[in-house]
PDB file of all heavy atoms in Angstrom:
ATOM      1  N   ASN A   1     109.816 110.784  78.081  1.00  0.00           N
ATOM      2  CA  ASN A   1     109.980 111.051  79.513  1.00  0.00           C
ATOM      3  C   ASN A   1     108.733 110.670  80.314  1.00  0.00           C
ATOM      4  O   ASN A   1     108.381 111.342  81.278  1.00  0.00           O
ATOM      5  CB  ASN A   1     110.335 112.517  79.759  1.00  0.00           C
ATOM      6  CG  ASN A   1     111.615 112.914  79.060  1.00  0.00           C
ATOM      7  OD1 ASN A   1     112.621 112.233  79.174  1.00  0.00           O
ATOM      8  ND2 ASN A   1     111.571 114.008  78.307  1.00  0.00           N
ATOM      9  N   ALA A   2     108.072 109.614  79.902  1.00  0.00           N
ATOM     10  CA  ALA A   2     106.839 109.180  80.569  1.00  0.00           C
ATOM     11  C   ALA A   2     107.154 108.616  81.954  1.00  0.00           C
ATOM     12  O   ALA A   2     108.168 107.948  82.159  1.00  0.00           O
ATOM     13  CB  ALA A   2     106.127 108.130  79.730  1.00  0.00           C
ATOM     14  N   THR A   3     106.263 108.876  82.897  1.00  0.00           N
ATOM     15  CA  THR A   3     106.370 108.296  84.234  1.00  0.00           C
ATOM     16  C   THR A   3     105.255 107.282  84.483  1.00  0.00           C
ATOM     17  O   THR A   3     105.327 106.504  85.427  1.00  0.00           O
ATOM     18  CB  THR A   3     106.313 109.384  85.320  1.00  0.00           C
ATOM     19  OG1 THR A   3     105.081 110.106  85.199  1.00  0.00           O
ATOM     20  CG2 THR A   3     107.486 110.342  85.199  1.00  0.00           C
ATOM     21  N   ILE A   4     104.240 107.295  83.637  1.00  0.00           N
ATOM     22  CA  ILE A   4     103.143 106.330  83.732  1.00  0.00           C
ATOM     23  C   ILE A   4     102.906 105.760  82.344  1.00  0.00           C
ATOM     24  O   ILE A   4     102.809 106.497  81.353  1.00  0.00           O
ATOM     25  CB  ILE A   4     101.845 106.981  84.245  1.00  0.00           C
ATOM     26  CG1 ILE A   4     102.045 107.523  85.660  1.00  0.00           C
ATOM     27  CG2 ILE A   4     100.688 105.977  84.213  1.00  0.00           C
ATOM     28  CD1 ILE A   4     100.875 108.333  86.180  1.00  0.00           C
ATOM     29  N   LEU A   5     102.820 104.442  82.277  1.00  0.00           N
ATOM     30  CA  LEU A   5     102.547 103.742  81.027  1.00  0.00           C
ATOM     31  C   LEU A   5     101.425 102.760  81.302  1.00  0.00           C
ATOM     32  O   LEU A   5     101.522 101.941  82.220  1.00  0.00           O
ATOM     33  CB  LEU A   5     103.805 103.009  80.566  1.00  0.00           C
ATOM     34  CG  LEU A   5     103.748 102.281  79.244  1.00  0.00           C
ATOM     35  CD1 LEU A   5     103.617 103.282  78.101  1.00  0.00           C
ATOM     36  CD2 LEU A   5     104.991 101.435  79.052  1.00  0.00           C
ATOM     37  N   GLN A   6     100.340 102.865  80.543  1.00  0.00           N
ATOM     38  CA  GLN A   6      99.205 101.956  80.695  1.00  0.00           C
ATOM     39  C   GLN A   6      99.087 101.126  79.428  1.00  0.00           C
ATOM     40  O   GLN A   6      99.145 101.671  78.320  1.00  0.00           O
ATOM     41  CB  GLN A   6      97.909 102.722  80.909  1.00  0.00           C
ATOM     42  CG  GLN A   6      97.895 103.534  82.181  1.00  0.00           C
ATOM     43  CD  GLN A   6      96.641 104.379  82.290  1.00  0.00           C
ATOM     44  OE1 GLN A   6      96.294 105.091  81.360  1.00  0.00           O
ATOM     45  NE2 GLN A   6      95.982 104.292  83.431  1.00  0.00           N
ATOM     46  N   VAL A   7      98.912  99.816  79.607  1.00  0.00           N
ATOM     47  CA  VAL A   7      98.782  98.899  78.475  1.00  0.00           C
ATOM     48  C   VAL A   7      97.504  98.097  78.670  1.00  0.00           C
ATOM     49  O   VAL A   7      97.269  97.544  79.747  1.00  0.00           O
ATOM     50  CB  VAL A   7      99.992  97.948  78.382  1.00  0.00           C
ATOM     51  CG1 VAL A   7      99.823  96.975  77.234  1.00  0.00           C
ATOM     52  CG2 VAL A   7     101.291  98.741  78.233  1.00  0.00           C
ATOM     53  N   PHE A   8      96.698  98.052  77.628  1.00  0.00           N
ATOM     54  CA  PHE A   8      95.457  97.287  77.639  1.00  0.00           C
ATOM     55  C   PHE A   8      95.455  96.361  76.429  1.00  0.00           C
ATOM     56  O   PHE A   8      95.798  96.787  75.321  1.00  0.00           O
ATOM     57  CB  PHE A   8      94.235  98.204  77.555  1.00  0.00           C
ATOM     58  CG  PHE A   8      94.193  99.243  78.641  1.00  0.00           C
ATOM     59  CD1 PHE A   8      94.698 100.514  78.421  1.00  0.00           C
ATOM     60  CD2 PHE A   8      93.658  98.945  79.890  1.00  0.00           C
ATOM     61  CE1 PHE A   8      94.675 101.480  79.414  1.00  0.00           C
ATOM     62  CE2 PHE A   8      93.636  99.905  80.889  1.00  0.00           C
ATOM     63  CZ  PHE A   8      94.142 101.172  80.653  1.00  0.00           C
ATOM     64  N   LEU A   9      95.081  95.116  76.645  1.00  0.00           N
ATOM     65  CA  LEU A   9      94.963  94.151  75.557  1.00  0.00           C
ATOM     66  C   LEU A   9      93.637  93.444  75.730  1.00  0.00           C
ATOM     67  O   LEU A   9      93.335  92.926  76.820  1.00  0.00           O
ATOM     68  CB  LEU A   9      96.116  93.144  75.601  1.00  0.00           C
ATOM     69  CG  LEU A   9      96.121  92.078  74.519  1.00  0.00           C
ATOM     70  CD1 LEU A   9      96.341  92.712  73.141  1.00  0.00           C
ATOM     71  CD2 LEU A   9      97.196  91.045  74.799  1.00  0.00           C
ATOM     72  N   GLY A  10      92.828  93.444  74.707  1.00  0.00           N
ATOM     73  CA  GLY A  10      91.531  92.802  74.785  1.00  0.00           C
ATOM     74  C   GLY A  10      91.088  92.328  73.425  1.00  0.00           C
ATOM     75  O   GLY A  10      91.716  92.634  72.403  1.00  0.00           O
ATOM     76  N   ALA A  11      90.013  91.583  73.397  1.00  0.00           N
ATOM     77  CA  ALA A  11      89.512  91.049  72.133  1.00  0.00           C
ATOM     78  C   ALA A  11      88.003  90.923  72.172  1.00  0.00           C
ATOM     79  O   ALA A  11      87.403  90.735  73.225  1.00  0.00           O
ATOM     80  CB  ALA A  11      90.132  89.684  71.856  1.00  0.00           C
ATOM     81  N   SER A  12      87.429  91.057  70.994  1.00  0.00           N
ATOM     82  CA  SER A  12      86.020  90.746  70.781  1.00  0.00           C
ATOM     83  C   SER A  12      86.014  89.634  69.746  1.00  0.00           C
ATOM     84  O   SER A  12      87.071  89.157  69.328  1.00  0.00           O
ATOM     85  CB  SER A  12      85.271  91.972  70.264  1.00  0.00           C
ATOM     86  OG  SER A  12      85.713  92.303  68.959  1.00  0.00           O
ATOM     87  N   ASP A  13      84.843  89.248  69.289  1.00  0.00           N
ATOM     88  CA  ASP A  13      84.790  88.237  68.230  1.00  0.00           C
ATOM     89  C   ASP A  13      85.429  88.752  66.945  1.00  0.00           C
ATOM     90  O   ASP A  13      85.936  87.984  66.153  1.00  0.00           O
ATOM     91  CB  ASP A  13      83.340  87.837  67.936  1.00  0.00           C
ATOM     92  CG  ASP A  13      82.737  87.000  69.053  1.00  0.00           C
ATOM     93  OD1 ASP A  13      83.507  86.408  69.838  1.00  0.00           O
ATOM     94  OD2 ASP A  13      81.497  86.956  69.146  1.00  0.00           O
ATOM     95  N   ALA A  14      85.415  90.065  66.756  1.00  0.00           N
ATOM     96  CA  ALA A  14      85.846  90.639  65.488  1.00  0.00           C
ATOM     97  C   ALA A  14      87.279  91.170  65.484  1.00  0.00           C
ATOM     98  O   ALA A  14      87.899  91.257  64.430  1.00  0.00           O
ATOM     99  CB  ALA A  14      84.904  91.772  65.084  1.00  0.00           C
ATOM    100  N   ALA A  15      87.808  91.558  66.645  1.00  0.00           N
ATOM    101  CA  ALA A  15      89.106  92.222  66.625  1.00  0.00           C
ATOM    102  C   ALA A  15      89.860  92.080  67.946  1.00  0.00           C
ATOM    103  O   ALA A  15      89.260  91.939  69.004  1.00  0.00           O
ATOM    104  CB  ALA A  15      88.935  93.707  66.314  1.00  0.00           C
ATOM    105  N   LEU A  16      91.170  92.155  67.827  1.00  0.00           N
ATOM    106  CA  LEU A  16      92.065  92.271  68.961  1.00  0.00           C
ATOM    107  C   LEU A  16      92.428  93.738  69.069  1.00  0.00           C
ATOM    108  O   LEU A  16      92.673  94.388  68.048  1.00  0.00           O
ATOM    109  CB  LEU A  16      93.330  91.442  68.720  1.00  0.00           C
ATOM    110  CG  LEU A  16      94.425  91.592  69.762  1.00  0.00           C
ATOM    111  CD1 LEU A  16      94.249  90.507  70.818  1.00  0.00           C
ATOM    112  CD2 LEU A  16      95.791  91.484  69.131  1.00  0.00           C
ATOM    113  N   MET A  17      92.461  94.284  70.287  1.00  0.00           N
ATOM    114  CA  MET A  17      92.800  95.696  70.449  1.00  0.00           C
ATOM    115  C   MET A  17      93.904  95.829  71.484  1.00  0.00           C
ATOM    116  O   MET A  17      93.802  95.303  72.586  1.00  0.00           O
ATOM    117  CB  MET A  17      91.594  96.507  70.867  1.00  0.00           C
ATOM    118  CG  MET A  17      91.889  98.001  70.936  1.00  0.00           C
ATOM    119  SD  MET A  17      90.424  98.985  71.273  1.00  0.00           S
ATOM    120  CE  MET A  17      89.593  98.852  69.697  1.00  0.00           C
ATOM    121  N   LEU A  18      94.958  96.535  71.086  1.00  0.00           N
ATOM    122  CA  LEU A  18      96.067  96.864  71.971  1.00  0.00           C
ATOM    123  C   LEU A  18      96.096  98.376  72.122  1.00  0.00           C
ATOM    124  O   LEU A  18      96.111  99.102  71.131  1.00  0.00           O
ATOM    125  CB  LEU A  18      97.398  96.387  71.372  1.00  0.00           C
ATOM    126  CG  LEU A  18      98.670  96.878  72.072  1.00  0.00           C
ATOM    127  CD1 LEU A  18      98.809  96.237  73.449  1.00  0.00           C
ATOM    128  CD2 LEU A  18      99.898  96.595  71.209  1.00  0.00           C
ATOM    129  N   THR A  19      96.085  98.842  73.369  1.00  0.00           N
ATOM    130  CA  THR A  19      96.179 100.278  73.649  1.00  0.00           C
ATOM    131  C   THR A  19      97.400 100.505  74.529  1.00  0.00           C
ATOM    132  O   THR A  19      97.574  99.811  75.527  1.00  0.00           O
ATOM    133  CB  THR A  19      94.921 100.789  74.368  1.00  0.00           C
ATOM    134  OG1 THR A  19      93.777 100.521  73.563  1.00  0.00           O
ATOM    135  CG2 THR A  19      95.012 102.280  74.645  1.00  0.00           C
ATOM    136  N   VAL A  20      98.234 101.461  74.131  1.00  0.00           N
ATOM    137  CA  VAL A  20      99.389 101.863  74.933  1.00  0.00           C
ATOM    138  C   VAL A  20      99.255 103.365  75.146  1.00  0.00           C
ATOM    139  O   VAL A  20      99.208 104.133  74.188  1.00  0.00           O
ATOM    140  CB  VAL A  20     100.724 101.522  74.231  1.00  0.00           C
ATOM    141  CG1 VAL A  20     101.896 101.968  75.096  1.00  0.00           C
ATOM    142  CG2 VAL A  20     100.818 100.035  73.911  1.00  0.00           C
ATOM    143  N   ARG A  21      99.169 103.760  76.409  1.00  0.00           N
ATOM    144  CA  ARG A  21      98.940 105.170  76.767  1.00  0.00           C
ATOM    145  C   ARG A  21     100.032 105.610  77.723  1.00  0.00           C
ATOM    146  O   ARG A  21     100.388 104.875  78.647  1.00  0.00           O
ATOM    147  CB  ARG A  21      97.575 105.279  77.423  1.00  0.00           C
ATOM    148  CG  ARG A  21      97.144 106.666  77.786  1.00  0.00           C
ATOM    149  CD  ARG A  21      95.731 106.670  78.373  1.00  0.00           C
ATOM    150  NE  ARG A  21      94.790 106.087  77.423  1.00  0.00           N
ATOM    151  CZ  ARG A  21      93.769 105.296  77.760  1.00  0.00           C
ATOM    152  NH1 ARG A  21      93.544 104.986  79.010  1.00  0.00           N
ATOM    153  NH2 ARG A  21      92.962 104.829  76.843  1.00  0.00           N
ATOM    154  N   ASP A  22     100.566 106.818  77.496  1.00  0.00           N
ATOM    155  CA  ASP A  22     101.574 107.332  78.420  1.00  0.00           C
ATOM    156  C   ASP A  22     101.270 108.783  78.782  1.00  0.00           C
ATOM    157  O   ASP A  22     100.476 109.443  78.124  1.00  0.00           O
ATOM    158  CB  ASP A  22     102.989 107.193  77.840  1.00  0.00           C
ATOM    159  CG  ASP A  22     103.278 108.127  76.682  1.00  0.00           C
ATOM    160  OD1 ASP A  22     103.194 109.365  76.847  1.00  0.00           O
ATOM    161  OD2 ASP A  22     103.618 107.626  75.583  1.00  0.00           O
ATOM    162  N   ASN A  23     101.918 109.244  79.832  1.00  0.00           N
ATOM    163  CA  ASN A  23     101.741 110.625  80.282  1.00  0.00           C
ATOM    164  C   ASN A  23     102.973 111.476  79.936  1.00  0.00           C
ATOM    165  O   ASN A  23     103.248 112.467  80.588  1.00  0.00           O
ATOM    166  CB  ASN A  23     101.498 110.673  81.795  1.00  0.00           C
ATOM    167  CG  ASN A  23     102.732 110.298  82.598  1.00  0.00           C
ATOM    168  OD1 ASN A  23     103.634 109.627  82.100  1.00  0.00           O
ATOM    169  ND2 ASN A  23     102.768 110.704  83.849  1.00  0.00           N
ATOM    170  N   GLY A  24     103.672 111.082  78.892  1.00  0.00           N
ATOM    171  CA  GLY A  24     104.918 111.748  78.528  1.00  0.00           C
ATOM    172  C   GLY A  24     104.735 113.098  77.859  1.00  0.00           C
ATOM    173  O   GLY A  24     103.657 113.698  77.884  1.00  0.00           O
ATOM    174  N   ASP A  25     105.816 113.560  77.248  1.00  0.00           N
ATOM    175  CA  ASP A  25     105.870 114.885  76.640  1.00  0.00           C
ATOM    176  C   ASP A  25     104.869 115.074  75.503  1.00  0.00           C
ATOM    177  O   ASP A  25     104.423 116.179  75.249  1.00  0.00           O
ATOM    178  CB  ASP A  25     107.275 115.164  76.098  1.00  0.00           C
ATOM    179  CG  ASP A  25     108.316 115.176  77.194  1.00  0.00           C
ATOM    180  OD1 ASP A  25     107.956 115.403  78.374  1.00  0.00           O
ATOM    181  OD2 ASP A  25     109.504 114.956  76.880  1.00  0.00           O
ATOM    182  N   GLY A  26     104.536 114.000  74.805  1.00  0.00           N
ATOM    183  CA  GLY A  26     103.646 114.102  73.658  1.00  0.00           C
ATOM    184  C   GLY A  26     104.313 114.811  72.499  1.00  0.00           C
ATOM    185  O   GLY A  26     105.451 115.276  72.595  1.00  0.00           O
ATOM    186  N   PHE A  27     103.603 114.878  71.389  1.00  0.00           N
ATOM    187  CA  PHE A  27     104.105 115.536  70.192  1.00  0.00           C
ATOM    188  C   PHE A  27     102.923 115.847  69.293  1.00  0.00           C
ATOM    189  O   PHE A  27     101.814 115.358  69.522  1.00  0.00           O
ATOM    190  CB  PHE A  27     105.134 114.657  69.464  1.00  0.00           C
ATOM    191  CG  PHE A  27     104.561 113.344  68.969  1.00  0.00           C
ATOM    192  CD1 PHE A  27     104.114 113.210  67.662  1.00  0.00           C
ATOM    193  CD2 PHE A  27     104.458 112.249  69.817  1.00  0.00           C
ATOM    194  CE1 PHE A  27     103.585 112.017  67.205  1.00  0.00           C
ATOM    195  CE2 PHE A  27     103.922 111.045  69.369  1.00  0.00           C
ATOM    196  CZ  PHE A  27     103.490 110.930  68.066  1.00  0.00           C
ATOM    197  N   ASP A  28     103.151 116.641  68.290  1.00  0.00           N
ATOM    198  CA  ASP A  28     102.113 116.960  67.311  1.00  0.00           C
ATOM    199  C   ASP A  28     102.312 116.028  66.121  1.00  0.00           C
ATOM    200  O   ASP A  28     103.258 116.201  65.357  1.00  0.00           O
ATOM    201  CB  ASP A  28     102.216 118.421  66.877  1.00  0.00           C
ATOM    202  CG  ASP A  28     101.145 118.808  65.892  1.00  0.00           C
ATOM    203  OD1 ASP A  28     100.420 117.925  65.384  1.00  0.00           O
ATOM    204  OD2 ASP A  28     101.029 120.013  65.600  1.00  0.00           O
ATOM    205  N   PRO A  29     101.452 115.015  65.951  1.00  0.00           N
ATOM    206  CA  PRO A  29     101.630 114.068  64.851  1.00  0.00           C
ATOM    207  C   PRO A  29     101.664 114.745  63.475  1.00  0.00           C
ATOM    208  O   PRO A  29     102.347 114.273  62.573  1.00  0.00           O
ATOM    209  CB  PRO A  29     100.428 113.131  64.971  1.00  0.00           C
ATOM    210  CG  PRO A  29     100.000 113.238  66.389  1.00  0.00           C
ATOM    211  CD  PRO A  29     100.303 114.662  66.787  1.00  0.00           C
ATOM    212  N   ALA A  30     100.953 115.856  63.310  1.00  0.00           N
ATOM    213  CA  ALA A  30     100.935 116.557  62.024  1.00  0.00           C
ATOM    214  C   ALA A  30     102.272 117.221  61.730  1.00  0.00           C
ATOM    215  O   ALA A  30     102.610 117.466  60.570  1.00  0.00           O
ATOM    216  CB  ALA A  30      99.828 117.603  62.006  1.00  0.00           C
TER     217      ALA A  30
END
């Protein structure tokens, strides 16, 4: 039920990084 979704994609010489962040309900991964 997210209303905001942020996506970031970037790279350094060593790695590509993708971040996806939302303001939704969340959950307990454990």
